Amino acid sequence: MITKLEEKQGGHIKLELENGHFKEFIQNNLLIDMQFCNGMHTWSKCRAGRQQITSKLERYLISDNAMHIGGDILTSILPFSGFDHWPISLQRQRPGNSIRRPFHFEAFWLTHPAFKDFIKSTWNNFPVPKG
């Protein structure tokens, strides 16, 4: 859901009552809507040219207290993966000694009934670079 008109391009651009409620929720709970370092829009209607509609639908909301801990927080939009939503990434570098941690898998995805079929389909359709 967008919170301001700049978060949408194309289509019907108008803020509804719900958009205002969402913005108030963010403000009332002292949350910070992190800006992406490489763009704004995370969703596309997959039309071409002037008919394309894009919006900022994915976002990271963090507590304003998190900013006082220190360190750098970087949010970015990841490369297009074939769906209408682009994945987003949040990286946090805390001050002091940084320890590299291995990849962390969220086991709850295994409980989704279509998870294994999705992985198999994605793996089989992944383009293999030539050369």
C-alpha atoms as a PDB file:
ATOM      1  CA  MET A   1       0.000   0.000   0.000  1.00  0.00           C
ATOM      2  CA  ILE A   2       1.390   3.375  -0.924  1.00  0.00           C
ATOM      3  CA  THR A   3       1.625   6.182   1.628  1.00  0.00           C
ATOM      4  CA  LYS A   4       2.252   9.088  -0.763  1.00  0.00           C
ATOM      5  CA  LEU A   5       1.572   9.822  -4.429  1.00  0.00           C
ATOM      6  CA  GLU A   6       5.266   9.572  -5.416  1.00  0.00           C
ATOM      7  CA  GLU A   7       5.152   5.839  -4.606  1.00  0.00           C
ATOM      8  CA  LYS A   8       3.063   5.081  -7.712  1.00  0.00           C
ATOM      9  CA  GLN A   9       3.486   5.715 -11.417  1.00  0.00           C
ATOM     10  CA  GLY A  10       0.782   5.205 -14.019  1.00  0.00           C
ATOM     11  CA  GLY A  11      -2.776   4.044 -13.600  1.00  0.00           C
ATOM     12  CA  HIS A  12      -5.177   5.679 -11.162  1.00  0.00           C
ATOM     13  CA  ILE A  13      -3.013   7.768  -8.825  1.00  0.00           C
ATOM     14  CA  LYS A  14      -5.084   8.827  -5.835  1.00  0.00           C
ATOM     15  CA  LEU A  15      -4.662   8.375  -2.112  1.00  0.00           C
ATOM     16  CA  GLU A  16      -7.568   6.602  -0.487  1.00  0.00           C
ATOM     17  CA  LEU A  17      -8.610   6.702   3.177  1.00  0.00           C
ATOM     18  CA  GLU A  18      -6.787   3.413   3.835  1.00  0.00           C
ATOM     19  CA  ASN A  19      -3.530   4.897   2.559  1.00  0.00           C
ATOM     20  CA  GLY A  20      -3.841   7.658   5.147  1.00  0.00           C
ATOM     21  CA  HIS A  21      -4.559   5.149   7.901  1.00  0.00           C
ATOM     22  CA  PHE A  22      -1.438   3.183   6.968  1.00  0.00           C
ATOM     23  CA  LYS A  23       0.686   6.354   7.007  1.00  0.00           C
ATOM     24  CA  GLU A  24      -0.766   7.303  10.418  1.00  0.00           C
ATOM     25  CA  PHE A  25       0.016   3.801  11.728  1.00  0.00           C
ATOM     26  CA  ILE A  26       3.649   4.259  10.700  1.00  0.00           C
ATOM     27  CA  GLN A  27       3.851   7.687  12.330  1.00  0.00           C
ATOM     28  CA  ASN A  28       1.921   6.801  15.514  1.00  0.00           C
ATOM     29  CA  ASN A  29       4.147   3.794  16.170  1.00  0.00           C
ATOM     30  CA  LEU A  30       7.333   5.796  15.598  1.00  0.00           C
ATOM     31  CA  LEU A  31       8.375   3.592  12.711  1.00  0.00           C
ATOM     32  CA  ILE A  32      10.800   4.544   9.988  1.00  0.00           C
ATOM     33  CA  ASP A  33       9.895   3.599   6.430  1.00  0.00           C
ATOM     34  CA  MET A  34      13.323   2.739   5.038  1.00  0.00           C
ATOM     35  CA  GLN A  35      14.098   4.112   1.594  1.00  0.00           C
ATOM     36  CA  PHE A  36      15.748   1.829  -0.955  1.00  0.00           C
ATOM     37  CA  CYS A  37      19.195   2.803  -2.182  1.00  0.00           C
ATOM     38  CA  ASN A  38      18.466   1.801  -5.781  1.00  0.00           C
ATOM     39  CA  GLY A  39      14.919   2.835  -6.594  1.00  0.00           C
ATOM     40  CA  MET A  40      11.447   3.008  -5.127  1.00  0.00           C
ATOM     41  CA  HIS A  41       8.975   0.801  -6.979  1.00  0.00           C
ATOM     42  CA  THR A  42       8.783  -2.888  -6.068  1.00  0.00           C
ATOM     43  CA  TRP A  43       5.727  -3.971  -8.083  1.00  0.00           C
ATOM     44  CA  SER A  44       4.810  -3.706 -11.743  1.00  0.00           C
ATOM     45  CA  LYS A  45       1.605  -4.370 -13.672  1.00  0.00           C
ATOM     46  CA  CYS A  46       3.877  -5.786 -16.418  1.00  0.00           C
ATOM     47  CA  ARG A  47       2.630  -3.519 -19.145  1.00  0.00           C
ATOM     48  CA  ALA A  48       4.957  -1.828 -21.569  1.00  0.00           C
ATOM     49  CA  GLY A  49       5.680   1.828 -22.181  1.00  0.00           C
ATOM     50  CA  ARG A  50       3.215   4.483 -21.080  1.00  0.00           C
ATOM     51  CA  GLN A  51       0.715   1.857 -19.891  1.00  0.00           C
ATOM     52  CA  GLN A  52       3.105   0.441 -17.277  1.00  0.00           C
ATOM     53  CA  ILE A  53       1.956   0.802 -13.686  1.00  0.00           C
ATOM     54  CA  THR A  54       4.473   0.570 -10.842  1.00  0.00           C
ATOM     55  CA  SER A  55       4.141   1.034  -7.079  1.00  0.00           C
ATOM     56  CA  LYS A  56       6.078   0.737  -3.847  1.00  0.00           C
ATOM     57  CA  LEU A  57       4.255  -2.162  -2.230  1.00  0.00           C
ATOM     58  CA  GLU A  58       7.105  -3.825  -0.318  1.00  0.00           C
ATOM     59  CA  ARG A  59       8.829  -1.906   2.447  1.00  0.00           C
ATOM     60  CA  TYR A  60      10.838  -2.256   5.637  1.00  0.00           C
ATOM     61  CA  LEU A  61       9.448  -0.535   8.703  1.00  0.00           C
ATOM     62  CA  ILE A  62      11.886  -0.327  11.582  1.00  0.00           C
ATOM     63  CA  SER A  63      11.591   1.110  15.059  1.00  0.00           C
ATOM     64  CA  ASP A  64      13.161   4.506  15.553  1.00  0.00           C
ATOM     65  CA  ASN A  65      15.034   2.870  18.469  1.00  0.00           C
ATOM     66  CA  ALA A  66      16.898   0.707  15.972  1.00  0.00           C
ATOM     67  CA  MET A  67      18.557   3.819  14.586  1.00  0.00           C
ATOM     68  CA  HIS A  68      20.076   4.612  18.000  1.00  0.00           C
ATOM     69  CA  ILE A  69      21.901   1.268  18.180  1.00  0.00           C
ATOM     70  CA  GLY A  70      24.300   2.500  15.527  1.00  0.00           C
ATOM     71  CA  GLY A  71      25.708   0.938  12.430  1.00  0.00           C
ATOM     72  CA  ASP A  72      24.629   1.130   8.840  1.00  0.00           C
ATOM     73  CA  ILE A  73      21.326  -0.099   7.470  1.00  0.00           C
ATOM     74  CA  LEU A  74      21.095  -0.635   3.726  1.00  0.00           C
ATOM     75  CA  THR A  75      17.864  -1.521   1.955  1.00  0.00           C
ATOM     76  CA  SER A  76      17.787  -2.382  -1.716  1.00  0.00           C
ATOM     77  CA  ILE A  77      15.569  -3.813  -4.415  1.00  0.00           C
ATOM     78  CA  LEU A  78      16.933  -7.097  -5.738  1.00  0.00           C
ATOM     79  CA  PRO A  79      16.967  -8.054  -9.439  1.00  0.00           C
ATOM     80  CA  PHE A  80      13.695  -8.961 -11.119  1.00  0.00           C
ATOM     81  CA  SER A  81      12.909 -12.646 -10.657  1.00  0.00           C
ATOM     82  CA  GLY A  82      10.031 -13.166 -13.075  1.00  0.00           C
ATOM     83  CA  PHE A  83       7.141 -12.275 -10.748  1.00  0.00           C
ATOM     84  CA  ASP A  84       5.320  -8.956 -10.591  1.00  0.00           C
ATOM     85  CA  HIS A  85       6.953  -8.143  -7.227  1.00  0.00           C
ATOM     86  CA  TRP A  86      10.672  -7.500  -6.889  1.00  0.00           C
ATOM     87  CA  PRO A  87      12.299  -8.978  -3.770  1.00  0.00           C
ATOM     88  CA  ILE A  88      13.869  -6.543  -1.319  1.00  0.00           C
ATOM     89  CA  SER A  89      16.898  -6.861   0.931  1.00  0.00           C
ATOM     90  CA  LEU A  90      17.803  -5.338   4.281  1.00  0.00           C
ATOM     91  CA  GLN A  91      21.422  -5.479   5.430  1.00  0.00           C
ATOM     92  CA  ARG A  92      22.603  -4.223   8.766  1.00  0.00           C
ATOM     93  CA  GLN A  93      26.215  -3.647   9.698  1.00  0.00           C
ATOM     94  CA  ARG A  94      26.642  -3.115  13.402  1.00  0.00           C
ATOM     95  CA  PRO A  95      29.629  -1.188  14.680  1.00  0.00           C
ATOM     96  CA  GLY A  96      32.519  -3.218  16.053  1.00  0.00           C
ATOM     97  CA  ASN A  97      33.678  -6.670  15.086  1.00  0.00           C
ATOM     98  CA  SER A  98      31.560  -8.121  12.337  1.00  0.00           C
ATOM     99  CA  ILE A  99      31.125 -11.854  12.247  1.00  0.00           C
ATOM    100  CA  ARG A 100      30.157 -13.495   8.989  1.00  0.00           C
ATOM    101  CA  ARG A 101      27.194 -15.745   9.563  1.00  0.00           C
ATOM    102  CA  PRO A 102      26.168 -18.518   7.207  1.00  0.00           C
ATOM    103  CA  PHE A 103      22.954 -18.352   5.231  1.00  0.00           C
ATOM    104  CA  HIS A 104      19.917 -18.766   7.480  1.00  0.00           C
ATOM    105  CA  PHE A 105      17.051 -20.803   6.053  1.00  0.00           C
ATOM    106  CA  GLU A 106      13.545 -20.115   7.340  1.00  0.00           C
ATOM    107  CA  ALA A 107      12.118 -23.598   7.930  1.00  0.00           C
ATOM    108  CA  PHE A 108       8.511 -22.357   7.979  1.00  0.00           C
ATOM    109  CA  TRP A 109       8.581 -22.244   4.152  1.00  0.00           C
ATOM    110  CA  LEU A 110       8.670 -26.052   4.174  1.00  0.00           C
ATOM    111  CA  THR A 111       5.159 -26.079   5.651  1.00  0.00           C
ATOM    112  CA  HIS A 112       3.639 -24.339   2.612  1.00  0.00           C
ATOM    113  CA  PRO A 113       1.848 -26.974   0.487  1.00  0.00           C
ATOM    114  CA  ALA A 114       3.227 -25.647  -2.837  1.00  0.00           C
ATOM    115  CA  PHE A 115       6.799 -25.014  -1.642  1.00  0.00           C
ATOM    116  CA  LYS A 116       8.458 -28.101  -3.148  1.00  0.00           C
ATOM    117  CA  ASP A 117       6.685 -27.674  -6.496  1.00  0.00           C
ATOM    118  CA  PHE A 118       7.654 -24.003  -6.596  1.00  0.00           C
ATOM    119  CA  ILE A 119      11.330 -24.781  -5.933  1.00  0.00           C
ATOM    120  CA  LYS A 120      11.346 -27.585  -8.532  1.00  0.00           C
ATOM    121  CA  SER A 121       9.693 -25.369 -11.160  1.00  0.00           C
ATOM    122  CA  THR A 122      11.993 -22.431 -10.430  1.00  0.00           C
ATOM    123  CA  TRP A 123      15.097 -24.625 -10.500  1.00  0.00           C
ATOM    124  CA  ASN A 124      14.086 -26.292 -13.794  1.00  0.00           C
ATOM    125  CA  ASN A 125      13.243 -22.959 -15.471  1.00  0.00           C
ATOM    126  CA  PHE A 126      16.254 -20.995 -14.222  1.00  0.00           C
ATOM    127  CA  PRO A 127      18.236 -19.679 -17.198  1.00  0.00           C
ATOM    128  CA  VAL A 128      21.735 -21.153 -17.347  1.00  0.00           C
ATOM    129  CA  PRO A 129      24.351 -18.586 -18.463  1.00  0.00           C
ATOM    130  CA  LYS A 130      26.180 -19.542 -21.650  1.00  0.00           C
ATOM    131  CA  GLY A 131      29.930 -19.559 -21.879  1.00  0.00           C
END
